[in-house]
Amino acid sequence: MVLKIDYEYLLSLRQKNPAWRLLRVDSAPLILSFLNRVFIEANERVISEPDLVEKLEDELYSLRETYGESAFPRMAADYLYDWAEPDKGWLRRFYGAGGDEPYFDLTPSSEKAVSWVKSLAQNSFVGTESRLKIIFELLRQIAEGSEEDPEL
């Protein structure tokens, strides 16, 4: 069966898909860069709430130094709880077996959003690489064409 990608399908996806909703929010650069750094680049599956709060507090402090105190006015824990709300679905907050300390892990939707953003940079690199190959091939042809005897 072929998936029909029409207006209604895309409208529904835009409204309901957590990855797409993440890409639409104004704070997407903060969320995506933070989640990428602490989960994906660090190869962490699960992070305790206190550790994740501390990492986000450090991130927010740095951003506030650059963009001003009003850039991200809420506390780190407030952002994390918001990102884990069911209507967002960018993080999953849960309690470990037999423990009372909450943990967070990254949802597949957030991983997809990060992966898609990363692919934007990769596509431009592929284009540049193929253009360089074309240039080198043209230079080789010019060099061969300028010799009276191409075997030299």
Foldseek 3Di string as FASTA:
>chain_A
DDDDDDDVVVVCCCQQQLLNVLVPDPCNVVVLVLCCVPPVVVVHFKDWPVVSQVSVQVVLVVVCVVPNCPPDVDRSSVVVVVCCDPSNQQKPWDADVPDDTIMIGGDPSSVVNSVVVVVVVVVVVVVVVVVVVVVVVVVLVVVQVVDPDSVD
